[in-house]
Amino acid sequence: MNLKRILFLFSVLAQSLSAQYNDPNFAKPQTGYGSDGSHSVETLSFPNPNFPEKDIEIYHPSDVTTSVPTIFYSHAYGGNLSQNISGLLTFVAKKGYAIVFVPYQTTGVSVLERYDNLLKGFQKAAREYPSIIDTTRVGFLGHSFGGGASFGNAYTCFQDLHWGQNGRFIYALAQWYSYNIEQAALDNFPEKTQLLTEIFEDDTINDHRMAIDIFNNISIPVSEKDFLIVKSDTINGRVYAADHVLPNTANAFDALDYYAYYRFLDALCDYSFNGNLSGKEVALGNGSAAQITMPAGLKNIEQTDEPYVVYPEEKYLFPCSDILNPRKDQCPVITSINELWLDEESMKVTVNQRQTNPTLCIALPETLAGKDLYLFNSIGQKVLSIQQPVQKQLTISLPSLQSGIYLVLYGKYQTKFLLK
């Protein structure tokens, strides 16, 4: 991983420390899924076999005397301080579940060594604390690097160790590349596994194709998996950013954290561990009102069983086709242009359809500068690029382009046009 990428991710994670809920528009859920539980919380720590500098931690309900269903959490790259996600860890324990946090090294080790650190830490926790951890009911939860890691490690624990016989799931958010999982394993994933995959509209770090690839190629029935898209919004001047740091929004939690993350996790646990169909209606509701409806005023969640590619790879710090991706040959391509995430109010496109020399006129938004402009055809091929256009009014000649639908991308804005 190059220095630019490392420094960027560190800057993102540094913003997430010690966040508190602070949302003037929406209160936290007071009842139902996503609301705080009533259990008291205890934290214990013990040595990390592969990373002695940072202990493994278990958050669990101290007022429960039997073993409880357990979530094994895989953190984002560089996020090896539990303070980064203290809100999540406490939320899970208050709900009556245990959650295991295993730090792994940021530098000086390989991707597979990080995976091994996570796996051995999870196994040590289960082995040494059977009075707390019920390995017959388990979930693997991960964000970014941890989202990608959750599949290979979950498969090992489900298949080889027989964890999750009475309930198991994977919940992957904004996932990075997935190592240690062959297609043969994805084709024969353990039965009775639930999967929730979630991406964020304005994530510019991890290419959405990684999440789409695994979701489409894992042998979990459609009835037991869902793909969710969280959208950005602005309410009363406050920006609700569905970006890479949405789990534990930088500086302060807001409605997106609770209604688009904690709510789904809460419901998924209830369905997987307790068999409660009300939980399935929320977490894996296949587009049900209970699943997609957000507080009045916020854009609803989008659910799909057939996720599609919208943004080209140039948008992301970690594109799907990068040499780092062991599944780079599986990257989906743009197969259609649709209305999702179009922002025609911020970028105006006009086409002069003259037969001899059609032209494209683009009015660029004033808020962005120093971004490159790209033009893609309907199958995702880049047909034109302009590096950091200075003029805000561009006129582009299109004599060699065939008739069809095209996509213009400029920073976070994109729109489409039809060339006749």
Foldseek 3Di string as FASTA:
>chain_A
DDPVLVVVVVVLLVLQFPAAADAPPDDFDCDAFLHAAAFDKDKDWDAQPLCRVATKMKIARPVDQAAFEEEEEDEAQPNQDCSSQVVVQNRQRSNGYMYIRFGDDNDDDDLVSRLVSSLVSVVVCCVPCVRHYDQLAYEYEYAAQSLQSSPQSVQCCCPVVVGNVQFYEYEYELYAFHPNADLVCQQVPDPRYAYEYEYELQEQAHACQRSLLSLVRGPYDLQRYKYKYFYWDADPRDTQGRYRSLCSPGRYHYQCNRLVPSSLVRLSSCCRNVVDVVSCCQNVVQPHCNPFDGPPPGHTMDMDSNDAHEDAQVSHNRGLLDPVHPVNVSGAWQQAHDDPQADCVQKPWDWDQDLQKIKIKIQHHPVDFQWKKFKAFRRHDTDDIDGGDPDRIDIGIDRPDDWHKMKIDTHSHIDIDTHD
